Amino acid sequence: MSILARQEPDRRAGRERAGRRRMPRWQLLLRYLLLLAVLGLTIGPFLWQLSTSLKGAGEDIYRSPPSLLPHRVTLGNYSGVARIIPVWDFALNSLKVALANVLTNCVGAALAGYALARMRFKGRRTALVVFVMAMLVPVESIMIAQFVTMRELQLNNTLLGVVLPGCIGAMNVLLMRNAFAGLPYEVEEAAYVDGANAWQRFVRIALPSVRGTLAVVAIFAFMGAWDDFLWPLIVLSDQSKFTLTIGLNFLHGTFADNQRLVAAGTVIAVLPLIVLFACLQRSFFRGVGEGAVKG
């Protein structure tokens, strides 16, 4: 009985603290309104493009007030894009570049991040500063040097020339470095005592512990390669090697008056990114916490 009597004040104090932490209704309503506004600004343009791509030729897309839902859904705009430009060939080229970028970034950033976080070698701090400084250099300022390098290597007008400049990103290396630095040393020390070398500790212990950050790196690498326009535009000249962003832009004038086809091409370009994020969203949000910069 005395134990229950002692627990009652603690429960009462807990309820009082919860009551003090409870947010006023007007603040809660304001937060939801702001979230809805941000949501509308974020996905509103995509929903409008999706709606336009599903509208038939007889439906006015410039009516006022605008109608988000098409009166009669049609997929003819997507087949129309495929008839005008080789959109699936362009998408395949983009997919090749994006997957190669994901592979090189995941492998290279993981190896470099583990070395910077766990290994002790001369120049480690200097290398870390170099990666930080690399993030501050505008990509446009080194485009000419990159193009000259690709030309000297005879890789211009090839998909390999598109992949190489972005095969390992400085930001991805820093993300992996921070993720590895957050792991407890005791686990690796136990493996070291058992006779595991650096490669075994990396593959069997450290790497499985940062799968979330690897998902973040994969998403960033895929998005960067899939959406890239300027560098493929500079290095590619053969239409058969165009990526999707260049292909849609170069032939934009062919169907510029038909905004339904433009919207269909936009949806085709965005859809793989949505599918990728939907598949990796849990790992992405877990990886953001793993790779956060610690004070």
Foldseek 3Di string as FASTA:
>chain_A
DVVVVVVVVVVVVVVVVVVVPDDDPVVVVVVVVVVVVVVCVVCVVLLQLVQLLQEDPVDDCPDPPGDSHHPHGDNVLLVVLCVVFVLVLQAVLLVVLLVLLLVLALVVLLVLLCCLQPPDDPCSVVVLVVLVVVVVDDPVVCLVVLLVVCVVVVNFQHSVSLNPVRSHHSVLNLLNNQLLNPDDPVVVVVVVVVPDDPVCCSPPPRVVSQQLSSLQSSLVSSVCSLPDDVNQVVRHDDPSNHHNVPRCVVCCVVPVVSSSSVSSSVCVSCVVSVVSCVVNVVSPVVNCVSRPDDD
